[in-house]
Amino acid sequence: MRNLSIPRSANPWTMILGGLAMIFVAGCGGGGDSKLDVSGNVTYDGQPVEEGEILFTVAGFATEASRISDGHFSVRVPPGPAKVV
């Protein structure tokens, strides 16, 4: 699990989603059809984001969504490069 800290002057959603996409892409590799567990913490100004949603898009298709609850998310997604929206 990784913690993300966002500077006060940054657009919070751009930083959150961009950071999560980099973590996800950096942590993926290999092949196969199985899904991978992806989880982490989302903070803004050092505090957990109370609630929200993360959508992982792989190969142009919306594949998996996860709720952010008390700053934490957990989801299973197919391996490979992904965008977080």
N, C-alpha and C. Protein backbone atom coordinates (compact mmCIF):
# COMPACT_ATOMS: atom_id res chain seq x y z
N MET A 1 0.83 -1.17 0.00
CA MET A 1 0.00 0.00 0.00
C MET A 1 0.88 1.24 0.00
N ARG A 2 0.45 2.25 -0.72
CA ARG A 2 1.21 3.49 -0.78
C ARG A 2 0.32 4.65 -0.37
N ASN A 3 0.92 5.63 0.26
CA ASN A 3 0.21 6.85 0.63
C ASN A 3 0.56 7.94 -0.37
N LEU A 4 -0.42 8.69 -0.79
CA LEU A 4 -0.21 9.80 -1.72
C LEU A 4 -0.46 11.10 -0.98
N SER A 5 0.47 12.02 -1.08
CA SER A 5 0.28 13.35 -0.50
C SER A 5 0.22 14.35 -1.64
N ILE A 6 -0.73 15.25 -1.60
CA ILE A 6 -0.96 16.20 -2.68
C ILE A 6 -0.70 17.61 -2.18
N PRO A 7 0.12 18.38 -2.92
CA PRO A 7 0.34 19.77 -2.51
C PRO A 7 -0.96 20.56 -2.51
N ARG A 8 -1.06 21.53 -1.62
CA ARG A 8 -2.28 22.33 -1.48
C ARG A 8 -2.65 23.03 -2.79
N SER A 9 -1.67 23.47 -3.59
CA SER A 9 -1.96 24.24 -4.79
C SER A 9 -2.38 23.38 -5.99
N ALA A 10 -2.28 22.07 -5.89
CA ALA A 10 -2.57 21.19 -7.03
C ALA A 10 -4.07 20.91 -7.12
N ASN A 11 -4.53 20.62 -8.34
CA ASN A 11 -5.89 20.17 -8.55
C ASN A 11 -5.98 18.78 -7.92
N PRO A 12 -6.81 18.58 -6.90
CA PRO A 12 -6.77 17.31 -6.16
C PRO A 12 -7.09 16.09 -7.01
N TRP A 13 -8.07 16.14 -7.86
CA TRP A 13 -8.45 14.95 -8.63
C TRP A 13 -7.41 14.62 -9.69
N THR A 14 -6.82 15.62 -10.31
CA THR A 14 -5.77 15.35 -11.30
C THR A 14 -4.60 14.67 -10.64
N MET A 15 -4.19 15.16 -9.47
CA MET A 15 -3.07 14.57 -8.77
C MET A 15 -3.40 13.17 -8.25
N ILE A 16 -4.58 12.98 -7.71
CA ILE A 16 -4.97 11.67 -7.19
C ILE A 16 -4.99 10.64 -8.32
N LEU A 17 -5.69 10.94 -9.37
CA LEU A 17 -5.85 9.98 -10.45
C LEU A 17 -4.55 9.75 -11.20
N GLY A 18 -3.78 10.80 -11.43
CA GLY A 18 -2.49 10.65 -12.09
C GLY A 18 -1.53 9.81 -11.28
N GLY A 19 -1.49 10.05 -9.98
CA GLY A 19 -0.61 9.28 -9.10
C GLY A 19 -1.00 7.82 -9.04
N LEU A 20 -2.28 7.56 -8.96
CA LEU A 20 -2.75 6.17 -8.92
C LEU A 20 -2.45 5.45 -10.23
N ALA A 21 -2.60 6.14 -11.34
CA ALA A 21 -2.30 5.53 -12.64
C ALA A 21 -0.83 5.14 -12.72
N MET A 22 0.06 6.02 -12.24
CA MET A 22 1.49 5.70 -12.27
C MET A 22 1.81 4.51 -11.38
N ILE A 23 1.20 4.45 -10.20
CA ILE A 23 1.43 3.31 -9.30
C ILE A 23 0.96 2.02 -9.96
N PHE A 24 -0.22 2.07 -10.55
CA PHE A 24 -0.77 0.88 -11.17
C PHE A 24 0.07 0.40 -12.34
N VAL A 25 0.45 1.29 -13.24
CA VAL A 25 1.23 0.91 -14.41
C VAL A 25 2.61 0.41 -13.99
N ALA A 26 3.23 1.05 -13.03
CA ALA A 26 4.56 0.64 -12.58
C ALA A 26 4.53 -0.72 -11.91
N GLY A 27 3.42 -1.09 -11.32
CA GLY A 27 3.35 -2.35 -10.59
C GLY A 27 2.85 -3.52 -11.41
N CYS A 28 2.54 -3.32 -12.68
CA CYS A 28 1.96 -4.39 -13.49
C CYS A 28 2.97 -4.94 -14.48
N GLY A 29 2.81 -6.17 -14.81
CA GLY A 29 3.65 -6.80 -15.81
C GLY A 29 3.20 -8.24 -15.98
N GLY A 30 3.80 -8.91 -16.93
CA GLY A 30 3.46 -10.31 -17.14
C GLY A 30 2.20 -10.45 -17.96
N GLY A 31 1.77 -11.68 -18.09
CA GLY A 31 0.59 -11.94 -18.90
C GLY A 31 -0.44 -12.70 -18.11
N GLY A 32 -1.26 -13.40 -18.84
CA GLY A 32 -2.30 -14.18 -18.19
C GLY A 32 -3.61 -13.43 -18.16
N ASP A 33 -4.66 -14.17 -17.84
CA ASP A 33 -5.99 -13.60 -17.81
C ASP A 33 -6.47 -13.27 -16.40
N SER A 34 -5.65 -13.57 -15.39
CA SER A 34 -6.09 -13.33 -14.02
C SER A 34 -6.05 -11.85 -13.68
N LYS A 35 -6.86 -11.46 -12.72
CA LYS A 35 -6.88 -10.08 -12.26
C LYS A 35 -5.89 -9.90 -11.12
N LEU A 36 -5.45 -8.67 -10.94
CA LEU A 36 -4.50 -8.32 -9.90
C LEU A 36 -5.17 -7.46 -8.85
N ASP A 37 -4.77 -7.63 -7.60
CA ASP A 37 -5.25 -6.77 -6.52
C ASP A 37 -4.51 -5.45 -6.54
N VAL A 38 -5.25 -4.36 -6.54
CA VAL A 38 -4.68 -3.02 -6.46
C VAL A 38 -5.37 -2.31 -5.30
N SER A 39 -4.59 -1.77 -4.36
CA SER A 39 -5.18 -1.04 -3.24
C SER A 39 -4.24 0.07 -2.84
N GLY A 40 -4.77 1.03 -2.11
CA GLY A 40 -3.94 2.13 -1.65
C GLY A 40 -4.73 3.12 -0.84
N ASN A 41 -4.04 4.16 -0.44
CA ASN A 41 -4.64 5.25 0.32
C ASN A 41 -4.61 6.51 -0.50
N VAL A 42 -5.65 7.32 -0.37
CA VAL A 42 -5.75 8.59 -1.08
C VAL A 42 -5.89 9.70 -0.04
N THR A 43 -4.96 10.67 -0.07
CA THR A 43 -5.02 11.79 0.87
C THR A 43 -5.03 13.11 0.11
N TYR A 44 -5.54 14.12 0.77
CA TYR A 44 -5.51 15.49 0.27
C TYR A 44 -5.15 16.39 1.44
N ASP A 45 -4.13 17.19 1.29
CA ASP A 45 -3.62 18.03 2.39
C ASP A 45 -3.31 17.19 3.62
N GLY A 46 -2.78 15.98 3.39
CA GLY A 46 -2.39 15.12 4.49
C GLY A 46 -3.51 14.39 5.19
N GLN A 47 -4.74 14.58 4.73
CA GLN A 47 -5.90 13.93 5.36
C GLN A 47 -6.51 12.92 4.38
N PRO A 48 -7.03 11.80 4.88
CA PRO A 48 -7.68 10.83 3.99
C PRO A 48 -8.89 11.45 3.28
N VAL A 49 -9.03 11.13 1.99
CA VAL A 49 -10.22 11.53 1.25
C VAL A 49 -11.36 10.67 1.77
N GLU A 50 -12.41 11.30 2.29
CA GLU A 50 -13.49 10.56 2.96
C GLU A 50 -14.21 9.59 2.04
N GLU A 51 -14.58 10.06 0.85
CA GLU A 51 -15.27 9.17 -0.07
C GLU A 51 -15.09 9.64 -1.49
N GLY A 52 -15.23 8.72 -2.43
CA GLY A 52 -15.08 9.01 -3.84
C GLY A 52 -15.12 7.71 -4.61
N GLU A 53 -14.72 7.76 -5.87
CA GLU A 53 -14.71 6.58 -6.71
C GLU A 53 -13.52 6.63 -7.66
N ILE A 54 -12.93 5.47 -7.92
CA ILE A 54 -11.82 5.33 -8.87
C ILE A 54 -12.26 4.33 -9.92
N LEU A 55 -12.05 4.68 -11.20
CA LEU A 55 -12.39 3.78 -12.30
C LEU A 55 -11.10 3.47 -13.05
N PHE A 56 -10.77 2.18 -13.18
CA PHE A 56 -9.60 1.74 -13.93
C PHE A 56 -10.05 1.35 -15.33
N THR A 57 -9.41 1.93 -16.35
CA THR A 57 -9.73 1.65 -17.74
C THR A 57 -8.53 0.95 -18.37
N VAL A 58 -8.72 -0.26 -18.86
CA VAL A 58 -7.66 -1.04 -19.49
C VAL A 58 -8.04 -1.26 -20.95
N ALA A 59 -7.12 -0.97 -21.87
CA ALA A 59 -7.33 -1.16 -23.31
C ALA A 59 -8.57 -0.42 -23.81
N GLY A 60 -8.85 0.76 -23.25
CA GLY A 60 -9.94 1.59 -23.71
C GLY A 60 -11.32 1.23 -23.18
N PHE A 61 -11.42 0.20 -22.37
CA PHE A 61 -12.70 -0.23 -21.83
C PHE A 61 -12.74 0.03 -20.33
N ALA A 62 -13.86 0.53 -19.84
CA ALA A 62 -14.04 0.68 -18.40
C ALA A 62 -14.15 -0.72 -17.82
N THR A 63 -13.21 -1.07 -16.95
CA THR A 63 -13.19 -2.45 -16.48
C THR A 63 -13.63 -2.59 -15.03
N GLU A 64 -13.06 -1.82 -14.14
CA GLU A 64 -13.35 -1.99 -12.73
C GLU A 64 -13.42 -0.64 -12.03
N ALA A 65 -14.34 -0.52 -11.09
CA ALA A 65 -14.47 0.69 -10.28
C ALA A 65 -14.35 0.30 -8.81
N SER A 66 -13.89 1.25 -8.01
CA SER A 66 -13.78 1.03 -6.58
C SER A 66 -14.19 2.29 -5.85
N ARG A 67 -14.82 2.12 -4.71
CA ARG A 67 -15.17 3.25 -3.86
C ARG A 67 -13.97 3.61 -3.01
N ILE A 68 -13.78 4.91 -2.80
CA ILE A 68 -12.82 5.39 -1.81
C ILE A 68 -13.61 5.60 -0.53
N SER A 69 -13.20 4.96 0.53
CA SER A 69 -13.88 5.08 1.81
C SER A 69 -12.84 5.29 2.90
N ASP A 70 -12.97 6.38 3.62
CA ASP A 70 -12.00 6.75 4.66
C ASP A 70 -10.57 6.74 4.13
N GLY A 71 -10.40 7.17 2.88
CA GLY A 71 -9.09 7.29 2.28
C GLY A 71 -8.53 6.03 1.66
N HIS A 72 -9.25 4.92 1.70
CA HIS A 72 -8.72 3.65 1.20
C HIS A 72 -9.55 3.14 0.03
N PHE A 73 -8.87 2.48 -0.92
CA PHE A 73 -9.56 1.79 -2.00
C PHE A 73 -8.92 0.43 -2.22
N SER A 74 -9.68 -0.50 -2.77
CA SER A 74 -9.18 -1.83 -3.10
C SER A 74 -10.01 -2.34 -4.27
N VAL A 75 -9.33 -2.87 -5.30
CA VAL A 75 -10.03 -3.32 -6.50
C VAL A 75 -9.20 -4.41 -7.18
N ARG A 76 -9.83 -5.25 -7.99
CA ARG A 76 -9.14 -6.25 -8.80
C ARG A 76 -9.28 -5.84 -10.26
N VAL A 77 -8.14 -5.77 -10.96
CA VAL A 77 -8.14 -5.34 -12.36
C VAL A 77 -7.27 -6.26 -13.19
N PRO A 78 -7.52 -6.32 -14.51
CA PRO A 78 -6.68 -7.12 -15.39
C PRO A 78 -5.27 -6.52 -15.46
N PRO A 79 -4.25 -7.34 -15.69
CA PRO A 79 -2.88 -6.80 -15.81
C PRO A 79 -2.73 -5.98 -17.08
N GLY A 80 -1.79 -5.05 -17.06
CA GLY A 80 -1.47 -4.24 -18.24
C GLY A 80 -1.60 -2.77 -17.93
N PRO A 81 -1.17 -1.94 -18.91
CA PRO A 81 -1.27 -0.48 -18.74
C PRO A 81 -2.73 -0.07 -18.54
N ALA A 82 -2.94 0.92 -17.69
CA ALA A 82 -4.30 1.36 -17.41
C ALA A 82 -4.33 2.86 -17.19
N LYS A 83 -5.49 3.43 -17.37
CA LYS A 83 -5.77 4.82 -17.03
C LYS A 83 -6.71 4.81 -15.84
N VAL A 84 -6.57 5.80 -14.99
CA VAL A 84 -7.48 5.94 -13.86
C VAL A 84 -8.28 7.20 -14.09
N VAL A 85 -9.62 7.06 -14.10
CA VAL A 85 -10.49 8.22 -14.34
C VAL A 85 -11.54 8.32 -13.25
